[in-house]
C-alpha atoms as a PDB file:
ATOM      1  CA  MET A   1      -2.943 131.654 -52.790  1.00  0.00           C
ATOM      2  CA  LEU A   2      -4.524 128.945 -54.851  1.00  0.00           C
ATOM      3  CA  LYS A   3      -2.093 126.424 -53.154  1.00  0.00           C
ATOM      4  CA  GLY A   4      -2.993 127.459 -49.771  1.00  0.00           C
ATOM      5  CA  ALA A   5      -6.685 127.065 -50.827  1.00  0.00           C
ATOM      6  CA  VAL A   6      -6.072 123.676 -52.025  1.00  0.00           C
ATOM      7  CA  SER A   7      -4.399 122.386 -48.873  1.00  0.00           C
ATOM      8  CA  GLY A   8      -7.135 123.904 -46.685  1.00  0.00           C
ATOM      9  CA  PHE A   9      -9.514 121.923 -48.705  1.00  0.00           C
ATOM     10  CA  ALA A  10      -7.577 118.819 -48.115  1.00  0.00           C
ATOM     11  CA  LEU A  11      -6.969 119.349 -44.916  1.00  0.00           C
ATOM     12  CA  CYS A  12     -11.167 119.940 -44.696  1.00  0.00           C
ATOM     13  CA  LEU A  13     -11.923 116.167 -46.277  1.00  0.00           C
ATOM     14  CA  LEU A  14      -9.168 114.305 -44.127  1.00  0.00           C
ATOM     15  CA  ALA A  15     -10.844 115.870 -40.680  1.00  0.00           C
ATOM     16  CA  THR A  16     -14.591 115.417 -42.380  1.00  0.00           C
ATOM     17  CA  ALA A  17     -15.571 118.004 -40.092  1.00  0.00           C
ATOM     18  CA  CYS A  18     -15.846 120.676 -42.529  1.00  0.00           C
ATOM     19  CA  GLY A  19     -19.879 121.535 -43.153  1.00  0.00           C
ATOM     20  CA  GLY A  20     -20.643 120.254 -39.792  1.00  0.00           C
ATOM     21  CA  GLY A  21     -19.930 116.595 -41.105  1.00  0.00           C
ATOM     22  CA  ALA A  22     -19.453 113.730 -38.493  1.00  0.00           C
ATOM     23  CA  GLY A  23     -15.881 112.863 -37.847  1.00  0.00           C
ATOM     24  CA  PRO A  24     -14.058 109.125 -38.354  1.00  0.00           C
ATOM     25  CA  GLU A  25     -15.855 106.565 -36.105  1.00  0.00           C
ATOM     26  CA  PRO A  26     -13.967 105.492 -33.317  1.00  0.00           C
ATOM     27  CA  GLU A  27     -11.975 102.817 -32.802  1.00  0.00           C
ATOM     28  CA  ARG A  28     -14.264 100.033 -31.375  1.00  0.00           C
ATOM     29  CA  VAL A  29     -12.015  97.684 -29.596  1.00  0.00           C
ATOM     30  CA  SER A  30     -13.411  96.320 -26.131  1.00  0.00           C
ATOM     31  CA  ALA A  31     -15.454  93.295 -26.120  1.00  0.00           C
ATOM     32  CA  ALA A  32     -18.705  95.319 -25.558  1.00  0.00           C
ATOM     33  CA  GLN A  33     -18.104  97.325 -28.879  1.00  0.00           C
ATOM     34  CA  GLN A  34     -17.837  93.904 -31.059  1.00  0.00           C
ATOM     35  CA  CYS A  35     -20.745  92.898 -33.529  1.00  0.00           C
ATOM     36  CA  ASP A  36     -22.341  96.560 -33.217  1.00  0.00           C
ATOM     37  CA  ASP A  37     -22.615  96.529 -29.225  1.00  0.00           C
ATOM     38  CA  THR A  38     -24.846  93.549 -29.166  1.00  0.00           C
ATOM     39  CA  LEU A  39     -22.928  91.669 -26.616  1.00  0.00           C
ATOM     40  CA  SER A  40     -24.268  91.768 -23.238  1.00  0.00           C
ATOM     41  CA  PRO A  41     -22.078  92.266 -20.452  1.00  0.00           C
ATOM     42  CA  GLY A  42     -21.931  88.586 -19.610  1.00  0.00           C
ATOM     43  CA  ALA A  43     -21.393  87.815 -23.339  1.00  0.00           C
ATOM     44  CA  ALA A  44     -18.268  90.727 -23.491  1.00  0.00           C
ATOM     45  CA  ARG A  45     -17.028  88.342 -20.215  1.00  0.00           C
ATOM     46  CA  ALA A  46     -17.593  85.098 -22.391  1.00  0.00           C
ATOM     47  CA  LEU A  47     -15.854  86.755 -25.509  1.00  0.00           C
ATOM     48  CA  GLU A  48     -12.701  88.175 -23.642  1.00  0.00           C
ATOM     49  CA  THR A  49     -12.832  84.563 -21.795  1.00  0.00           C
ATOM     50  CA  VAL A  50     -12.800  82.494 -24.993  1.00  0.00           C
ATOM     51  CA  LEU A  51     -10.112  84.785 -26.955  1.00  0.00           C
ATOM     52  CA  LYS A  52      -8.358  85.265 -23.978  1.00  0.00           C
ATOM     53  CA  THR A  53      -7.935  89.066 -24.376  1.00  0.00           C
ATOM     54  CA  LYS A  54      -9.616  92.266 -23.218  1.00  0.00           C
ATOM     55  CA  ARG A  55      -8.874  94.242 -26.599  1.00  0.00           C
ATOM     56  CA  PHE A  56      -9.583  93.565 -30.136  1.00  0.00           C
ATOM     57  CA  ASP A  57      -9.267  94.499 -33.456  1.00  0.00           C
ATOM     58  CA  HIS A  58     -11.366  97.240 -35.146  1.00  0.00           C
ATOM     59  CA  ASP A  59     -14.883  96.203 -35.592  1.00  0.00           C
ATOM     60  CA  PRO A  60     -17.181  98.898 -37.718  1.00  0.00           C
ATOM     61  CA  ARG A  61     -20.661  99.843 -37.408  1.00  0.00           C
ATOM     62  CA  GLY A  62     -22.893  98.084 -39.599  1.00  0.00           C
ATOM     63  CA  GLY A  63     -23.049  94.545 -39.689  1.00  0.00           C
ATOM     64  CA  LEU A  64     -26.575  94.152 -37.351  1.00  0.00           C
ATOM     65  CA  GLU A  65     -28.467  96.435 -40.002  1.00  0.00           C
ATOM     66  CA  ARG A  66     -26.774  94.142 -42.963  1.00  0.00           C
ATOM     67  CA  GLY A  67     -27.555  90.565 -41.369  1.00  0.00           C
ATOM     68  CA  VAL A  68     -30.926  92.125 -40.817  1.00  0.00           C
ATOM     69  CA  ASP A  69     -31.575  93.087 -44.574  1.00  0.00           C
ATOM     70  CA  GLU A  70     -30.046  89.869 -45.422  1.00  0.00           C
ATOM     71  CA  LEU A  71     -32.111  87.706 -43.705  1.00  0.00           C
ATOM     72  CA  ILE A  72     -35.279  89.810 -45.017  1.00  0.00           C
ATOM     73  CA  ARG A  73     -33.906  89.373 -48.232  1.00  0.00           C
ATOM     74  CA  ASP A  74     -33.456  85.590 -47.903  1.00  0.00           C
ATOM     75  CA  HIS A  75     -37.075  85.239 -46.816  1.00  0.00           C
ATOM     76  CA  GLU A  76     -38.279  86.537 -49.621  1.00  0.00           C
ATOM     77  CA  THR A  77     -36.370  84.810 -52.205  1.00  0.00           C
ATOM     78  CA  ALA A  78     -34.715  81.447 -50.677  1.00  0.00           C
ATOM     79  CA  LYS A  79     -36.384  78.271 -50.428  1.00  0.00           C
ATOM     80  CA  GLY A  80     -33.927  76.470 -48.044  1.00  0.00           C
ATOM     81  CA  LEU A  81     -30.546  76.878 -46.274  1.00  0.00           C
ATOM     82  CA  THR A  82     -28.709  80.159 -46.631  1.00  0.00           C
ATOM     83  CA  LEU A  83     -25.172  81.138 -45.864  1.00  0.00           C
ATOM     84  CA  ASN A  84     -24.390  84.675 -45.550  1.00  0.00           C
ATOM     85  CA  PRO A  85     -21.045  86.555 -44.844  1.00  0.00           C
ATOM     86  CA  PRO A  86     -20.235  87.028 -41.080  1.00  0.00           C
ATOM     87  CA  MET A  87     -22.303  89.549 -39.297  1.00  0.00           C
ATOM     88  CA  CYS A  88     -19.470  90.443 -37.320  1.00  0.00           C
ATOM     89  CA  ARG A  89     -15.613  89.295 -37.250  1.00  0.00           C
ATOM     90  CA  VAL A  90     -13.729  89.167 -33.618  1.00  0.00           C
ATOM     91  CA  ASN A  91     -10.326  89.221 -33.984  1.00  0.00           C
ATOM     92  CA  PRO A  92      -7.727  89.661 -30.865  1.00  0.00           C
ATOM     93  CA  PRO A  93      -4.928  92.272 -31.885  1.00  0.00           C
ATOM     94  CA  ALA A  94      -2.353  89.491 -32.095  1.00  0.00           C
ATOM     95  CA  GLY A  95      -2.419  85.751 -33.082  1.00  0.00           C
ATOM     96  CA  THR A  96      -4.512  84.199 -35.771  1.00  0.00           C
ATOM     97  CA  GLU A  97      -7.184  83.060 -33.899  1.00  0.00           C
ATOM     98  CA  ARG A  98     -10.732  84.671 -34.591  1.00  0.00           C
ATOM     99  CA  VAL A  99     -14.322  84.301 -34.222  1.00  0.00           C
ATOM    100  CA  ASP A 100     -17.105  84.918 -37.112  1.00  0.00           C
ATOM    101  CA  ILE A 101     -20.717  85.033 -36.272  1.00  0.00           C
ATOM    102  CA  ARG A 102     -22.837  84.350 -39.235  1.00  0.00           C
ATOM    103  CA  PHE A 103     -26.809  84.392 -39.815  1.00  0.00           C
ATOM    104  CA  GLY A 104     -28.784  82.358 -42.592  1.00  0.00           C
ATOM    105  CA  LEU A 105     -32.148  80.803 -42.952  1.00  0.00           C
ATOM    106  CA  TYR A 106     -32.616  76.825 -42.103  1.00  0.00           C
ATOM    107  CA  ALA A 107     -35.148  74.227 -43.084  1.00  0.00           C
ATOM    108  CA  ASP A 108     -36.608  71.652 -40.810  1.00  0.00           C
ATOM    109  CA  ASP A 109     -33.900  68.803 -41.734  1.00  0.00           C
ATOM    110  CA  ASP A 110     -30.881  71.263 -41.095  1.00  0.00           C
ATOM    111  CA  LEU A 111     -31.798  70.740 -37.302  1.00  0.00           C
ATOM    112  CA  PHE A 112     -29.345  68.298 -35.704  1.00  0.00           C
ATOM    113  CA  GLN A 113     -32.246  66.284 -33.701  1.00  0.00           C
ATOM    114  CA  ASP A 114     -31.045  63.115 -32.950  1.00  0.00           C
ATOM    115  CA  VAL A 115     -27.836  63.769 -34.376  1.00  0.00           C
ATOM    116  CA  HIS A 116     -24.767  63.976 -32.191  1.00  0.00           C
ATOM    117  CA  PRO A 117     -21.716  65.320 -34.129  1.00  0.00           C
ATOM    118  CA  ARG A 118     -18.495  64.868 -32.171  1.00  0.00           C
ATOM    119  CA  GLY A 119     -17.780  67.893 -30.242  1.00  0.00           C
ATOM    120  CA  LEU A 120     -20.501  69.354 -30.062  1.00  0.00           C
ATOM    121  CA  HIS A 121     -23.511  69.174 -27.032  1.00  0.00           C
ATOM    122  CA  PRO A 122     -27.270  69.931 -27.077  1.00  0.00           C
ATOM    123  CA  TYR A 123     -28.757  72.629 -24.881  1.00  0.00           C
ATOM    124  CA  ASP A 124     -32.514  73.203 -24.270  1.00  0.00           C
ATOM    125  CA  MET A 125     -33.080  76.823 -25.962  1.00  0.00           C
ATOM    126  CA  GLY A 126     -34.634  78.469 -28.825  1.00  0.00           C
ATOM    127  CA  VAL A 127     -35.704  75.555 -31.173  1.00  0.00           C
ATOM    128  CA  GLU A 128     -32.284  73.837 -30.864  1.00  0.00           C
ATOM    129  CA  ALA A 129     -29.241  74.574 -29.593  1.00  0.00           C
ATOM    130  CA  GLN A 130     -25.324  72.927 -29.912  1.00  0.00           C
ATOM    131  CA  SER A 131     -22.476  74.235 -28.495  1.00  0.00           C
ATOM    132  CA  GLY A 132     -18.687  72.899 -28.256  1.00  0.00           C
ATOM    133  CA  PRO A 133     -15.128  74.510 -28.024  1.00  0.00           C
ATOM    134  CA  LYS A 134     -15.277  75.454 -31.700  1.00  0.00           C
ATOM    135  CA  LYS A 135     -18.657  76.121 -32.770  1.00  0.00           C
ATOM    136  CA  ALA A 136     -22.193  77.155 -31.428  1.00  0.00           C
ATOM    137  CA  TYR A 137     -25.237  76.973 -33.156  1.00  0.00           C
ATOM    138  CA  LEU A 138     -28.688  78.433 -32.194  1.00  0.00           C
ATOM    139  CA  PHE A 139     -31.908  77.829 -34.064  1.00  0.00           C
ATOM    140  CA  VAL A 140     -34.996  79.877 -33.791  1.00  0.00           C
ATOM    141  CA  GLN A 141     -38.064  80.772 -35.544  1.00  0.00           C
ATOM    142  CA  CYS A 142     -39.940  84.286 -35.974  1.00  0.00           C
ATOM    143  CA  ILE A 143     -42.968  85.724 -36.839  1.00  0.00           C
ATOM    144  CA  SER A 144     -42.308  89.586 -37.528  1.00  0.00           C
ATOM    145  CA  PRO A 145     -44.440  92.484 -39.623  1.00  0.00           C
ATOM    146  CA  ARG A 146     -40.879  92.539 -41.446  1.00  0.00           C
ATOM    147  CA  LEU A 147     -41.194  88.891 -42.740  1.00  0.00           C
ATOM    148  CA  GLU A 148     -43.987  88.486 -45.144  1.00  0.00           C
ATOM    149  CA  GLY A 149     -46.204  85.607 -44.459  1.00  0.00           C
ATOM    150  CA  SER A 150     -44.318  84.624 -41.342  1.00  0.00           C
ATOM    151  CA  GLU A 151     -47.541  84.880 -39.028  1.00  0.00           C
ATOM    152  CA  ARG A 152     -48.409  81.591 -41.347  1.00  0.00           C
ATOM    153  CA  ARG A 153     -44.921  79.711 -41.503  1.00  0.00           C
ATOM    154  CA  PRO A 154     -42.508  81.289 -39.082  1.00  0.00           C
ATOM    155  CA  ALA A 155     -39.330  82.049 -40.641  1.00  0.00           C
ATOM    156  CA  ARG A 156     -36.721  79.844 -39.181  1.00  0.00           C
ATOM    157  CA  ILE A 157     -33.394  81.597 -38.313  1.00  0.00           C
ATOM    158  CA  ARG A 158     -29.887  79.975 -37.647  1.00  0.00           C
ATOM    159  CA  GLY A 159     -27.184  81.554 -35.645  1.00  0.00           C
ATOM    160  CA  THR A 160     -23.500  80.128 -35.725  1.00  0.00           C
ATOM    161  CA  LEU A 161     -20.546  81.056 -33.832  1.00  0.00           C
ATOM    162  CA  VAL A 162     -17.126  79.288 -35.584  1.00  0.00           C
ATOM    163  CA  PHE A 163     -13.428  79.731 -34.562  1.00  0.00           C
ATOM    164  CA  ASN A 164     -11.174  79.741 -37.211  1.00  0.00           C
ATOM    165  CA  GLU A 165      -9.065  77.511 -35.043  1.00  0.00           C
ATOM    166  CA  SER A 166      -9.144  77.001 -31.021  1.00  0.00           C
ATOM    167  CA  GLU A 167      -7.440  75.028 -28.758  1.00  0.00           C
ATOM    168  CA  LEU A 168     -10.210  75.055 -26.162  1.00  0.00           C
ATOM    169  CA  PRO A 169     -10.794  72.242 -23.899  1.00  0.00           C
ATOM    170  CA  ASP A 170     -14.144  70.709 -24.483  1.00  0.00           C
ATOM    171  CA  THR A 171     -15.443  71.800 -21.330  1.00  0.00           C
ATOM    172  CA  VAL A 172     -19.075  72.782 -19.764  1.00  0.00           C
ATOM    173  CA  PRO A 173     -17.520  76.452 -19.181  1.00  0.00           C
ATOM    174  CA  VAL A 174     -16.321  77.122 -22.241  1.00  0.00           C
ATOM    175  CA  ARG A 175     -19.468  75.598 -24.251  1.00  0.00           C
ATOM    176  CA  GLU A 176     -21.509  77.811 -22.099  1.00  0.00           C
ATOM    177  CA  ALA A 177     -19.421  80.862 -22.901  1.00  0.00           C
ATOM    178  CA  ASN A 178     -19.801  80.349 -26.675  1.00  0.00           C
ATOM    179  CA  LEU A 179     -23.524  79.831 -26.339  1.00  0.00           C
ATOM    180  CA  THR A 180     -23.659  82.949 -24.233  1.00  0.00           C
ATOM    181  CA  VAL A 181     -22.030  85.170 -27.198  1.00  0.00           C
ATOM    182  CA  LEU A 182     -24.127  83.677 -29.848  1.00  0.00           C
ATOM    183  CA  HIS A 183     -27.447  83.817 -27.424  1.00  0.00           C
ATOM    184  CA  SER A 184     -26.988  87.683 -27.016  1.00  0.00           C
ATOM    185  CA  VAL A 185     -26.126  88.383 -30.630  1.00  0.00           C
ATOM    186  CA  THR A 186     -29.212  86.186 -31.835  1.00  0.00           C
ATOM    187  CA  LEU A 187     -31.157  88.280 -29.336  1.00  0.00           C
ATOM    188  CA  ALA A 188     -30.097  91.464 -31.240  1.00  0.00           C
ATOM    189  CA  VAL A 189     -30.971  90.353 -34.510  1.00  0.00           C
ATOM    190  CA  VAL A 190     -34.786  89.199 -33.738  1.00  0.00           C
ATOM    191  CA  ARG A 191     -35.290  92.313 -31.680  1.00  0.00           C
ATOM    192  CA  LYS A 192     -34.026  94.133 -34.777  1.00  0.00           C
ATOM    193  CA  LEU A 193     -36.664  92.351 -36.839  1.00  0.00           C
ATOM    194  CA  GLY A 194     -39.288  92.490 -34.257  1.00  0.00           C
ATOM    195  CA  CYS A 195     -39.825  88.590 -33.961  1.00  0.00           C
ATOM    196  CA  GLU A 196     -42.634  88.251 -31.738  1.00  0.00           C
ATOM    197  CA  ASP A 197     -41.444  87.275 -28.232  1.00  0.00           C
ATOM    198  CA  ASP A 198     -38.393  87.626 -29.138  1.00  0.00           C
ATOM    199  CA  ALA A 199     -38.428  84.650 -31.164  1.00  0.00           C
ATOM    200  CA  GLY A 200     -38.885  82.463 -27.938  1.00  0.00           C
ATOM    201  CA  LEU A 201     -35.357  83.595 -26.347  1.00  0.00           C
ATOM    202  CA  THR A 202     -34.982  84.952 -22.508  1.00  0.00           C
ATOM    203  CA  GLU A 203     -32.927  87.903 -21.496  1.00  0.00           C
ATOM    204  CA  LYS A 204     -30.310  85.958 -20.552  1.00  0.00           C
ATOM    205  CA  PRO A 205     -29.208  82.641 -21.703  1.00  0.00           C
ATOM    206  CA  VAL A 206     -30.758  79.576 -19.124  1.00  0.00           C
ATOM    207  CA  PHE A 207     -28.396  76.403 -19.808  1.00  0.00           C
ATOM    208  CA  LYS A 208     -30.172  73.170 -19.547  1.00  0.00           C
ATOM    209  CA  ALA A 209     -27.979  70.458 -21.191  1.00  0.00           C
ATOM    210  CA  LEU A 210     -29.958  67.876 -22.842  1.00  0.00           C
ATOM    211  CA  PRO A 211     -28.984  64.189 -22.782  1.00  0.00           C
ATOM    212  CA  GLU A 212     -26.924  63.056 -25.380  1.00  0.00           C
END
């Protein structure tokens, strides 16, 4: 009897259903499920395009909440550029190529301004945006009651999208696809933070390339 009771308890733990507990999180393998469901339909299609797949490794929930908490902590303690772990990491089920999206704070002198790095192209989005076949950057400013003192000096938030490796061509569609993904995740972050006027971001990305 004791052996049977122990076995039943073990099965109960594996099922996580005893006592009304929630079951294991379903596999989150579609593009729309990546990055805590922060991708718009257009951004999900863009992600499928640049990674050439419609199925991804499981990306568990929790990154959005953690990423926002890290920005709040940075705002309280940091004086300049901060670099946090990826808010989300997107991996196709085969191959080694992946995309990391992360957020941190920046200082004004961290902006690209008149500097034009090879492989990056400027866009009129947020405070500043740059995109290319391997990276994209989006800088915004946020006034939020969750960020103490931001009404006097807006918090400077930097989103980055980085491929660990990429053979994508340096074309307008590729640049805009990468920036579409980053815009969507950044918009979710600033809304979670409660940034005034969505930190200047529109509901959908509007692409206006700037002179280089």
